[in-house]
C-alpha atoms as a PDB file:
ATOM      1  CA  MET A   1      20.311  21.220   0.071  1.00  0.00           C
ATOM      2  CA  TYR A   2      22.810  23.461  -1.608  1.00  0.00           C
ATOM      3  CA  LEU A   3      21.993  26.983  -2.614  1.00  0.00           C
ATOM      4  CA  ASP A   4      24.728  29.044  -4.160  1.00  0.00           C
ATOM      5  CA  LYS A   5      25.690  32.173  -2.275  1.00  0.00           C
ATOM      6  CA  LEU A   6      28.571  34.034  -3.819  1.00  0.00           C
ATOM      7  CA  ASP A   7      29.744  35.533  -0.562  1.00  0.00           C
ATOM      8  CA  GLY A   8      29.453  32.162   1.217  1.00  0.00           C
ATOM      9  CA  ARG A   9      27.102  33.470   3.935  1.00  0.00           C
ATOM     10  CA  ILE A  10      23.408  33.161   4.592  1.00  0.00           C
ATOM     11  CA  THR A  11      21.315  34.859   7.213  1.00  0.00           C
ATOM     12  CA  THR A  12      19.534  33.052  10.003  1.00  0.00           C
ATOM     13  CA  ALA A  13      16.208  34.191   8.601  1.00  0.00           C
ATOM     14  CA  TYR A  14      17.088  32.821   5.169  1.00  0.00           C
ATOM     15  CA  TYR A  15      18.204  29.514   6.690  1.00  0.00           C
ATOM     16  CA  ASP A  16      15.009  29.242   8.760  1.00  0.00           C
ATOM     17  CA  GLU A  17      12.867  30.014   5.720  1.00  0.00           C
ATOM     18  CA  LYS A  18      14.571  27.373   3.581  1.00  0.00           C
ATOM     19  CA  ALA A  19      14.622  24.820   6.409  1.00  0.00           C
ATOM     20  CA  ASN A  20      10.860  25.227   6.861  1.00  0.00           C
ATOM     21  CA  VAL A  21      10.272  24.768   3.141  1.00  0.00           C
ATOM     22  CA  TRP A  22      12.450  21.660   3.076  1.00  0.00           C
ATOM     23  CA  ARG A  23      10.794  20.209   6.185  1.00  0.00           C
ATOM     24  CA  ALA A  24       7.363  20.715   4.617  1.00  0.00           C
ATOM     25  CA  GLU A  25       8.545  19.051   1.427  1.00  0.00           C
ATOM     26  CA  GLN A  26      10.041  16.194   3.439  1.00  0.00           C
ATOM     27  CA  ALA A  27       6.766  15.691   5.329  1.00  0.00           C
ATOM     28  CA  SER A  28       4.825  15.700   2.060  1.00  0.00           C
ATOM     29  CA  LEU A  29       7.136  13.117   0.518  1.00  0.00           C
ATOM     30  CA  GLN A  30       6.972  10.938   3.636  1.00  0.00           C
ATOM     31  CA  ALA A  31       3.155  11.010   3.453  1.00  0.00           C
ATOM     32  CA  LYS A  32       3.300   9.937  -0.202  1.00  0.00           C
ATOM     33  CA  ILE A  33       5.688   7.085   0.650  1.00  0.00           C
ATOM     34  CA  THR A  34       3.388   5.900   3.428  1.00  0.00           C
ATOM     35  CA  ASP A  35       0.394   6.031   1.084  1.00  0.00           C
ATOM     36  CA  LEU A  36       2.250   4.017  -1.566  1.00  0.00           C
ATOM     37  CA  GLN A  37       3.289   1.400   0.989  1.00  0.00           C
ATOM     38  CA  THR A  38      -0.304   1.042   2.193  1.00  0.00           C
ATOM     39  CA  THR A  39      -1.609   0.767  -1.370  1.00  0.00           C
ATOM     40  CA  SER A  40       1.055  -1.781  -2.222  1.00  0.00           C
ATOM     41  CA  GLN A  41       0.020  -3.922   0.760  1.00  0.00           C
ATOM     42  CA  ARG A  42      -3.617  -3.807  -0.353  1.00  0.00           C
ATOM     43  CA  TYR A  43      -2.603  -4.972  -3.832  1.00  0.00           C
ATOM     44  CA  GLU A  44      -0.579  -7.818  -2.343  1.00  0.00           C
ATOM     45  CA  ASP A  45      -3.552  -8.847  -0.180  1.00  0.00           C
ATOM     46  CA  ALA A  46      -5.843  -8.806  -3.222  1.00  0.00           C
ATOM     47  CA  ILE A  47      -3.407 -10.873  -5.273  1.00  0.00           C
ATOM     48  CA  SER A  48      -3.100 -13.393  -2.449  1.00  0.00           C
ATOM     49  CA  ALA A  49      -6.897 -13.678  -2.192  1.00  0.00           C
ATOM     50  CA  ILE A  50      -7.204 -14.206  -5.950  1.00  0.00           C
ATOM     51  CA  GLU A  51      -4.520 -16.904  -5.867  1.00  0.00           C
ATOM     52  CA  ASN A  52      -6.290 -18.680  -2.978  1.00  0.00           C
ATOM     53  CA  ILE A  53      -9.638 -18.576  -4.773  1.00  0.00           C
ATOM     54  CA  SER A  54      -8.022 -19.883  -7.944  1.00  0.00           C
ATOM     55  CA  ASN A  55      -6.496 -22.797  -6.020  1.00  0.00           C
ATOM     56  CA  LEU A  56      -9.873 -23.565  -4.443  1.00  0.00           C
ATOM     57  CA  CYS A  57     -11.586 -23.473  -7.834  1.00  0.00           C
ATOM     58  CA  ASN A  58      -9.052 -25.913  -9.253  1.00  0.00           C
ATOM     59  CA  ALA A  59      -9.460 -28.287  -6.312  1.00  0.00           C
ATOM     60  CA  PHE A  60     -13.272 -28.110  -6.140  1.00  0.00           C
ATOM     61  CA  PRO A  61     -14.036 -30.752  -8.828  1.00  0.00           C
ATOM     62  CA  THR A  62     -11.831 -33.310  -7.088  1.00  0.00           C
ATOM     63  CA  GLN A  63     -13.630 -32.958  -3.740  1.00  0.00           C
ATOM     64  CA  PRO A  64     -16.290 -35.440  -2.670  1.00  0.00           C
ATOM     65  CA  PRO A  65     -19.898 -34.243  -3.063  1.00  0.00           C
ATOM     66  CA  SER A  66     -20.323 -33.657   0.674  1.00  0.00           C
ATOM     67  CA  GLU A  67     -17.332 -31.301   0.711  1.00  0.00           C
ATOM     68  CA  GLN A  68     -18.554 -29.548  -2.432  1.00  0.00           C
ATOM     69  CA  ARG A  69     -21.949 -29.016  -0.785  1.00  0.00           C
ATOM     70  CA  ARG A  70     -20.296 -27.622   2.368  1.00  0.00           C
ATOM     71  CA  LEU A  71     -18.164 -25.196   0.347  1.00  0.00           C
ATOM     72  CA  LEU A  72     -21.149 -24.036  -1.725  1.00  0.00           C
ATOM     73  CA  LYS A  73     -23.152 -23.372   1.452  1.00  0.00           C
ATOM     74  CA  ILE A  74     -20.308 -21.252   2.798  1.00  0.00           C
ATOM     75  CA  ILE A  75     -20.085 -19.284  -0.445  1.00  0.00           C
ATOM     76  CA  ILE A  76     -23.838 -18.702  -0.619  1.00  0.00           C
ATOM     77  CA  SER A  77     -24.116 -17.669   3.021  1.00  0.00           C
ATOM     78  CA  THR A  78     -21.218 -15.258   2.622  1.00  0.00           C
ATOM     79  CA  ALA A  79     -22.664 -13.762  -0.578  1.00  0.00           C
ATOM     80  CA  THR A  80     -26.035 -12.920   0.935  1.00  0.00           C
END
């Protein structure tokens, strides 16, 4: 937040103008940071869901038929 003034002085009006611009820029950047954090969390949730589904798919063939049937019913009821 340095602006060169050769005489070393700025007016109150100039300071207020620049402070308002910088506050607006700060608010804009904070909103972008918040948006990125939210998006990042959604990606992490999606990755976690994919990993869980992958683990379930790998374990499915080793389950007894009754458990396979139960899992398929859950999947079908959720899909419709």
